[in-house]
Amino acid sequence: MKKNKINMPMSTAGLIRYFDESEERIKIKPEHVIIFSIILLVVELFLKFMG
């Protein structure tokens, strides 16, 4: 017996994935952003209480 198989189009048919094609010039890890934010906060608090 032959099964009736329905061919559906691919879910991404015709769509371009831009994040795969473009290269980022600057790559920053999320950990670096958090560390920079904490350092900036400490510097601001230091300047507020000392200056």
Protein backbone atom coordinates (compact mmCIF):
# COMPACT_ATOMS: atom_id res chain seq x y z
CA MET A 1 0.00 0.00 0.00
CA LYS A 2 1.15 3.48 -0.78
CA LYS A 3 0.94 6.03 2.00
CA ASN A 4 -0.49 9.42 1.11
CA LYS A 5 2.31 11.71 2.17
CA ILE A 6 1.66 15.44 2.11
CA ASN A 7 4.69 17.59 1.34
CA MET A 8 4.57 20.85 3.26
CA PRO A 9 6.86 23.79 2.48
CA MET A 10 9.79 24.39 4.79
CA SER A 11 9.08 26.75 7.65
CA THR A 12 11.90 29.08 6.61
CA ALA A 13 11.40 28.84 2.87
CA GLY A 14 12.47 32.07 1.21
CA LEU A 15 13.59 33.77 4.41
CA ILE A 16 17.12 35.04 4.85
CA ARG A 17 18.86 34.58 8.16
CA TYR A 18 20.82 37.83 8.46
CA PHE A 19 22.54 36.91 11.70
CA ASP A 20 24.25 34.01 9.94
CA GLU A 21 25.50 36.10 7.04
CA SER A 22 26.84 39.20 8.74
CA GLU A 23 29.99 39.25 10.82
CA GLU A 24 30.16 41.41 13.88
CA ARG A 25 33.22 43.59 14.15
CA ILE A 26 33.10 43.89 17.93
CA LYS A 27 32.14 40.84 19.92
CA ILE A 28 31.33 41.52 23.57
CA LYS A 29 30.39 38.75 25.94
CA PRO A 30 27.48 39.36 28.33
CA GLU A 31 29.85 38.77 31.25
CA HIS A 32 31.99 41.71 30.14
CA VAL A 33 28.96 44.00 30.02
CA ILE A 34 27.97 43.01 33.57
CA ILE A 35 31.52 43.49 34.89
CA PHE A 36 31.81 46.89 33.18
CA SER A 37 28.45 47.96 34.66
CA ILE A 38 29.52 46.94 38.17
CA ILE A 39 32.84 48.78 37.84
CA LEU A 40 31.04 51.89 36.57
CA LEU A 41 28.60 51.71 39.50
CA VAL A 42 31.46 51.44 42.02
CA VAL A 43 33.28 54.40 40.45
CA GLU A 44 30.11 56.52 40.52
CA LEU A 45 29.44 55.65 44.16
CA PHE A 46 33.06 56.45 45.06
CA LEU A 47 32.86 59.83 43.34
CA LYS A 48 29.52 60.61 44.98
CA PHE A 49 30.75 59.97 48.51
CA MET A 50 34.27 61.41 48.07
CA GLY A 51 33.62 64.39 45.89
